[in-house]
Amino acid sequence: MHSTATPQPSGHVSSAIAQPGKYLTFTLGNESYGIPVLKVREIIRLCPITPVANMPEHVKGVINLRGKVIPLVDLRAKFCLPIAIDNNRTCIIVTQLAAAAGGTRLYGVLVDGVEDVANFTAADIEPTPDFGGTIDTQCITGMAKSGGNVKTLIDLDIISAIDATIAIREIKESLSH
């Protein structure tokens, strides 16, 4: 995953470590990723996306899913991967994440395609490698070995917390000018 340094949410120390269990695996380009299957609410086809002004490039906007407005993030753009043309495998994974005010909230992620549900044991999961001090790996919880391939396991709660922290900081900065 290509990434640039991203500010850590204030007061937040990332200590997420991938746990053995079932993961929904998906692709972004030629790379494979996984998220805990318990976070997945549903997988849907592309649907109309309503852009929202003043959002970072990776925040595509919101979708209306059966009357619920859900934020939609393009993980390719978030991870600084080349943008791809949507095809018949492109889909939205609707997840349920922790809400800042307590409880849960829905969060959509745009991916190139869903692979499958994989069960990773403790022996399959390695800690996130040390890429050096300038590479941001706080949203990576581990690397899962699967049939000679490696899948990057990510934490969407951390990704959404980083986005919220950056948005709040930008709003405060714009108000102070």
C-alpha atoms as a PDB file:
ATOM      1  CA  MET A   1       0.000   0.000   0.000  1.00  0.00           C
ATOM      2  CA  HIS A   2       1.362   3.385  -0.955  1.00  0.00           C
ATOM      3  CA  SER A   3       0.669   5.993   1.664  1.00  0.00           C
ATOM      4  CA  THR A   4       1.813   9.340   2.873  1.00  0.00           C
ATOM      5  CA  ALA A   5       2.149  10.392   6.470  1.00  0.00           C
ATOM      6  CA  THR A   6      -1.275  11.125   7.897  1.00  0.00           C
ATOM      7  CA  PRO A   7      -1.815  12.975  11.151  1.00  0.00           C
ATOM      8  CA  GLN A   8      -2.809  10.789  14.084  1.00  0.00           C
ATOM      9  CA  PRO A   9      -6.179  11.700  15.603  1.00  0.00           C
ATOM     10  CA  SER A  10      -5.466  13.718  18.721  1.00  0.00           C
ATOM     11  CA  GLY A  11      -5.255  11.539  21.796  1.00  0.00           C
ATOM     12  CA  HIS A  12      -5.540   8.406  19.637  1.00  0.00           C
ATOM     13  CA  VAL A  13      -2.788   5.841  19.771  1.00  0.00           C
ATOM     14  CA  SER A  14      -3.127   3.107  17.205  1.00  0.00           C
ATOM     15  CA  SER A  15      -2.658  -0.297  18.752  1.00  0.00           C
ATOM     16  CA  ALA A  16      -4.978  -2.303  16.528  1.00  0.00           C
ATOM     17  CA  ILE A  17      -3.594  -5.738  15.812  1.00  0.00           C
ATOM     18  CA  ALA A  18      -5.325  -8.156  13.476  1.00  0.00           C
ATOM     19  CA  GLN A  19      -7.017 -10.985  15.307  1.00  0.00           C
ATOM     20  CA  PRO A  20      -7.552 -14.483  13.917  1.00  0.00           C
ATOM     21  CA  GLY A  21     -10.985 -14.934  12.405  1.00  0.00           C
ATOM     22  CA  LYS A  22     -13.064 -14.366   9.297  1.00  0.00           C
ATOM     23  CA  TYR A  23     -12.218 -11.493   6.960  1.00  0.00           C
ATOM     24  CA  LEU A  24     -13.947 -10.211   3.853  1.00  0.00           C
ATOM     25  CA  THR A  25     -11.192  -9.877   1.258  1.00  0.00           C
ATOM     26  CA  PHE A  26     -11.370  -7.465  -1.657  1.00  0.00           C
ATOM     27  CA  THR A  27      -9.153  -5.978  -4.333  1.00  0.00           C
ATOM     28  CA  LEU A  28      -7.878  -2.521  -5.114  1.00  0.00           C
ATOM     29  CA  GLY A  29      -5.937  -2.837  -8.362  1.00  0.00           C
ATOM     30  CA  ASN A  30      -3.626  -5.828  -8.071  1.00  0.00           C
ATOM     31  CA  GLU A  31      -3.530  -5.693  -4.270  1.00  0.00           C
ATOM     32  CA  SER A  32      -5.684  -7.678  -1.843  1.00  0.00           C
ATOM     33  CA  TYR A  33      -7.053  -6.321   1.419  1.00  0.00           C
ATOM     34  CA  GLY A  34      -9.196  -7.660   4.232  1.00  0.00           C
ATOM     35  CA  ILE A  35     -11.544  -6.328   6.890  1.00  0.00           C
ATOM     36  CA  PRO A  36     -13.167  -8.285   9.723  1.00  0.00           C
ATOM     37  CA  VAL A  37     -16.360  -9.841   8.397  1.00  0.00           C
ATOM     38  CA  LEU A  38     -18.192  -8.783  11.573  1.00  0.00           C
ATOM     39  CA  LYS A  39     -17.814  -5.134  10.448  1.00  0.00           C
ATOM     40  CA  VAL A  40     -19.529  -5.841   7.108  1.00  0.00           C
ATOM     41  CA  ARG A  41     -23.213  -5.018   6.896  1.00  0.00           C
ATOM     42  CA  GLU A  42     -23.726  -5.731   3.185  1.00  0.00           C
ATOM     43  CA  ILE A  43     -22.188  -5.543  -0.277  1.00  0.00           C
ATOM     44  CA  ILE A  44     -24.027  -3.559  -2.946  1.00  0.00           C
ATOM     45  CA  ARG A  45     -23.564  -2.649  -6.595  1.00  0.00           C
ATOM     46  CA  LEU A  46     -22.567   0.879  -7.502  1.00  0.00           C
ATOM     47  CA  CYS A  47     -25.435   3.288  -7.038  1.00  0.00           C
ATOM     48  CA  PRO A  48     -25.861   7.050  -7.505  1.00  0.00           C
ATOM     49  CA  ILE A  49     -23.343   9.010  -5.422  1.00  0.00           C
ATOM     50  CA  THR A  50     -24.159  12.521  -4.210  1.00  0.00           C
ATOM     51  CA  PRO A  51     -20.996  14.630  -3.966  1.00  0.00           C
ATOM     52  CA  VAL A  52     -20.512  16.738  -0.827  1.00  0.00           C
ATOM     53  CA  ALA A  53     -18.654  20.061  -1.082  1.00  0.00           C
ATOM     54  CA  ASN A  54     -15.237  20.623   0.514  1.00  0.00           C
ATOM     55  CA  MET A  55     -14.442  16.940   1.081  1.00  0.00           C
ATOM     56  CA  PRO A  56     -11.015  15.375   0.541  1.00  0.00           C
ATOM     57  CA  GLU A  57     -10.540  13.675  -2.839  1.00  0.00           C
ATOM     58  CA  HIS A  58     -11.045  10.180  -1.407  1.00  0.00           C
ATOM     59  CA  VAL A  59     -14.457  11.061   0.080  1.00  0.00           C
ATOM     60  CA  LYS A  60     -16.714  10.521  -2.914  1.00  0.00           C
ATOM     61  CA  GLY A  61     -19.824  11.821  -1.165  1.00  0.00           C
ATOM     62  CA  VAL A  62     -22.856  10.004   0.200  1.00  0.00           C
ATOM     63  CA  ILE A  63     -25.236   7.311  -0.965  1.00  0.00           C
ATOM     64  CA  ASN A  64     -28.879   6.791  -0.072  1.00  0.00           C
ATOM     65  CA  LEU A  65     -29.375   3.176   0.978  1.00  0.00           C
ATOM     66  CA  ARG A  66     -33.031   2.487   1.738  1.00  0.00           C
ATOM     67  CA  GLY A  67     -33.486   5.931   3.297  1.00  0.00           C
ATOM     68  CA  LYS A  68     -30.157   5.996   5.181  1.00  0.00           C
ATOM     69  CA  VAL A  69     -27.533   8.510   4.069  1.00  0.00           C
ATOM     70  CA  ILE A  70     -24.120   6.832   4.211  1.00  0.00           C
ATOM     71  CA  PRO A  71     -20.701   8.452   3.629  1.00  0.00           C
ATOM     72  CA  LEU A  72     -18.726   6.821   0.799  1.00  0.00           C
ATOM     73  CA  VAL A  73     -14.923   6.621   0.712  1.00  0.00           C
ATOM     74  CA  ASP A  74     -12.880   5.477  -2.297  1.00  0.00           C
ATOM     75  CA  LEU A  75     -10.128   3.333  -0.752  1.00  0.00           C
ATOM     76  CA  ARG A  76      -8.031   3.547  -3.941  1.00  0.00           C
ATOM     77  CA  ALA A  77      -7.838   7.322  -3.581  1.00  0.00           C
ATOM     78  CA  LYS A  78      -7.343   7.072   0.203  1.00  0.00           C
ATOM     79  CA  PHE A  79      -4.362   4.750  -0.272  1.00  0.00           C
ATOM     80  CA  CYS A  80      -2.923   6.870  -3.140  1.00  0.00           C
ATOM     81  CA  LEU A  81      -3.354   4.048  -5.667  1.00  0.00           C
ATOM     82  CA  PRO A  82      -3.946   4.765  -9.368  1.00  0.00           C
ATOM     83  CA  ILE A  83      -7.590   5.504 -10.105  1.00  0.00           C
ATOM     84  CA  ALA A  84      -9.343   2.760 -12.073  1.00  0.00           C
ATOM     85  CA  ILE A  85     -12.350   2.783 -14.324  1.00  0.00           C
ATOM     86  CA  ASP A  86     -15.416   1.298 -12.635  1.00  0.00           C
ATOM     87  CA  ASN A  87     -16.455  -2.069 -14.045  1.00  0.00           C
ATOM     88  CA  ASN A  88     -19.017  -4.778 -13.304  1.00  0.00           C
ATOM     89  CA  ARG A  89     -16.972  -5.973 -10.276  1.00  0.00           C
ATOM     90  CA  THR A  90     -16.693  -2.516  -8.677  1.00  0.00           C
ATOM     91  CA  CYS A  91     -18.898  -2.432  -5.608  1.00  0.00           C
ATOM     92  CA  ILE A  92     -19.584  -0.759  -2.289  1.00  0.00           C
ATOM     93  CA  ILE A  93     -18.972  -2.539   0.988  1.00  0.00           C
ATOM     94  CA  VAL A  94     -21.298  -1.083   3.604  1.00  0.00           C
ATOM     95  CA  THR A  95     -19.726  -1.454   7.022  1.00  0.00           C
ATOM     96  CA  GLN A  96     -20.811  -0.754  10.562  1.00  0.00           C
ATOM     97  CA  LEU A  97     -18.206   1.163  12.573  1.00  0.00           C
ATOM     98  CA  ALA A  98     -17.970   2.678  16.020  1.00  0.00           C
ATOM     99  CA  ALA A  99     -19.475   6.174  16.184  1.00  0.00           C
ATOM    100  CA  ALA A 100     -17.618   8.977  17.969  1.00  0.00           C
ATOM    101  CA  ALA A 101     -20.662   9.678  20.140  1.00  0.00           C
ATOM    102  CA  GLY A 102     -21.041   6.000  21.041  1.00  0.00           C
ATOM    103  CA  GLY A 103     -22.995   3.314  19.276  1.00  0.00           C
ATOM    104  CA  THR A 104     -22.398   2.526  15.610  1.00  0.00           C
ATOM    105  CA  ARG A 105     -22.709   4.184  12.233  1.00  0.00           C
ATOM    106  CA  LEU A 106     -22.716   3.052   8.612  1.00  0.00           C
ATOM    107  CA  TYR A 107     -19.674   3.730   6.410  1.00  0.00           C
ATOM    108  CA  GLY A 108     -19.374   2.784   2.743  1.00  0.00           C
ATOM    109  CA  VAL A 109     -16.137   1.907   0.982  1.00  0.00           C
ATOM    110  CA  LEU A 110     -15.717   1.716  -2.778  1.00  0.00           C
ATOM    111  CA  VAL A 111     -13.575  -1.258  -3.899  1.00  0.00           C
ATOM    112  CA  ASP A 112     -12.598  -2.826  -7.232  1.00  0.00           C
ATOM    113  CA  GLY A 113     -14.067  -6.202  -6.373  1.00  0.00           C
ATOM    114  CA  VAL A 114     -14.855  -8.604  -3.555  1.00  0.00           C
ATOM    115  CA  GLU A 115     -12.827 -11.819  -3.419  1.00  0.00           C
ATOM    116  CA  ASP A 116     -14.236 -14.014  -0.645  1.00  0.00           C
ATOM    117  CA  VAL A 117     -14.534 -14.614   3.071  1.00  0.00           C
ATOM    118  CA  ALA A 118     -11.270 -16.055   4.396  1.00  0.00           C
ATOM    119  CA  ASN A 119     -10.624 -17.569   7.792  1.00  0.00           C
ATOM    120  CA  PHE A 120      -7.166 -16.506   8.998  1.00  0.00           C
ATOM    121  CA  THR A 121      -5.550 -18.298  11.927  1.00  0.00           C
ATOM    122  CA  ALA A 122      -2.954 -16.744  14.244  1.00  0.00           C
ATOM    123  CA  ALA A 123      -0.267 -18.545  12.188  1.00  0.00           C
ATOM    124  CA  ASP A 124      -1.563 -16.840   8.996  1.00  0.00           C
ATOM    125  CA  ILE A 125      -1.278 -13.296  10.403  1.00  0.00           C
ATOM    126  CA  GLU A 126       1.982 -11.376  10.700  1.00  0.00           C
ATOM    127  CA  PRO A 127       2.379  -7.989  12.368  1.00  0.00           C
ATOM    128  CA  THR A 128       2.569  -4.905  10.180  1.00  0.00           C
ATOM    129  CA  PRO A 129       6.149  -4.623   8.877  1.00  0.00           C
ATOM    130  CA  ASP A 130       8.253  -1.607   9.826  1.00  0.00           C
ATOM    131  CA  PHE A 131       8.497   0.392   6.598  1.00  0.00           C
ATOM    132  CA  GLY A 132      10.461   3.203   8.227  1.00  0.00           C
ATOM    133  CA  GLY A 133       9.534   6.332  10.117  1.00  0.00           C
ATOM    134  CA  THR A 134       7.938   8.311   7.269  1.00  0.00           C
ATOM    135  CA  ILE A 135       5.499   5.658   6.069  1.00  0.00           C
ATOM    136  CA  ASP A 136       2.049   5.769   7.672  1.00  0.00           C
ATOM    137  CA  THR A 137       0.850   2.283   8.608  1.00  0.00           C
ATOM    138  CA  GLN A 138      -1.586   3.140  11.394  1.00  0.00           C
ATOM    139  CA  CYS A 139      -4.608   1.787   9.483  1.00  0.00           C
ATOM    140  CA  ILE A 140      -2.883  -1.562   8.774  1.00  0.00           C
ATOM    141  CA  THR A 141      -3.549  -4.149  11.465  1.00  0.00           C
ATOM    142  CA  GLY A 142      -1.459  -6.951   9.970  1.00  0.00           C
ATOM    143  CA  MET A 143      -0.554  -8.995   6.931  1.00  0.00           C
ATOM    144  CA  ALA A 144      -2.296 -12.295   6.237  1.00  0.00           C
ATOM    145  CA  LYS A 145      -0.574 -15.063   4.300  1.00  0.00           C
ATOM    146  CA  SER A 146      -2.975 -16.907   2.031  1.00  0.00           C
ATOM    147  CA  GLY A 147      -1.910 -19.494  -0.542  1.00  0.00           C
ATOM    148  CA  GLY A 148       1.408 -17.844  -1.379  1.00  0.00           C
ATOM    149  CA  ASN A 149      -0.135 -14.365  -1.463  1.00  0.00           C
ATOM    150  CA  VAL A 150      -0.258 -11.633   1.157  1.00  0.00           C
ATOM    151  CA  LYS A 151      -3.388  -9.676   2.042  1.00  0.00           C
ATOM    152  CA  THR A 152      -3.186  -6.361   3.874  1.00  0.00           C
ATOM    153  CA  LEU A 153      -5.597  -6.283   6.812  1.00  0.00           C
ATOM    154  CA  ILE A 154      -6.950  -2.799   7.517  1.00  0.00           C
ATOM    155  CA  ASP A 155      -8.921  -1.038  10.245  1.00  0.00           C
ATOM    156  CA  LEU A 156     -11.731   1.117   8.847  1.00  0.00           C
ATOM    157  CA  ASP A 157     -12.416   2.594  12.309  1.00  0.00           C
ATOM    158  CA  ILE A 158      -8.937   4.168  12.247  1.00  0.00           C
ATOM    159  CA  ILE A 159      -9.352   5.374   8.649  1.00  0.00           C
ATOM    160  CA  SER A 160     -12.659   7.065   9.456  1.00  0.00           C
ATOM    161  CA  ALA A 161     -11.268   8.557  12.713  1.00  0.00           C
ATOM    162  CA  ILE A 162      -8.336  10.074  10.795  1.00  0.00           C
ATOM    163  CA  ASP A 163     -10.737  11.572   8.232  1.00  0.00           C
ATOM    164  CA  ALA A 164     -12.924  13.055  10.986  1.00  0.00           C
ATOM    165  CA  THR A 165      -9.912  14.549  12.782  1.00  0.00           C
ATOM    166  CA  ILE A 166      -8.589  16.128   9.572  1.00  0.00           C
ATOM    167  CA  ALA A 167     -12.047  17.537   8.701  1.00  0.00           C
ATOM    168  CA  ILE A 168     -12.452  19.093  12.168  1.00  0.00           C
ATOM    169  CA  ARG A 169      -8.966  20.632  11.987  1.00  0.00           C
ATOM    170  CA  GLU A 170      -9.680  22.089   8.523  1.00  0.00           C
ATOM    171  CA  ILE A 171     -12.989  23.572   9.718  1.00  0.00           C
ATOM    172  CA  LYS A 172     -11.256  25.155  12.729  1.00  0.00           C
ATOM    173  CA  GLU A 173      -8.501  26.567  10.506  1.00  0.00           C
ATOM    174  CA  SER A 174     -11.011  28.059   8.055  1.00  0.00           C
ATOM    175  CA  LEU A 175     -12.958  29.670  10.915  1.00  0.00           C
ATOM    176  CA  SER A 176      -9.817  31.243  12.361  1.00  0.00           C
ATOM    177  CA  HIS A 177      -9.027  33.087   9.094  1.00  0.00           C
END
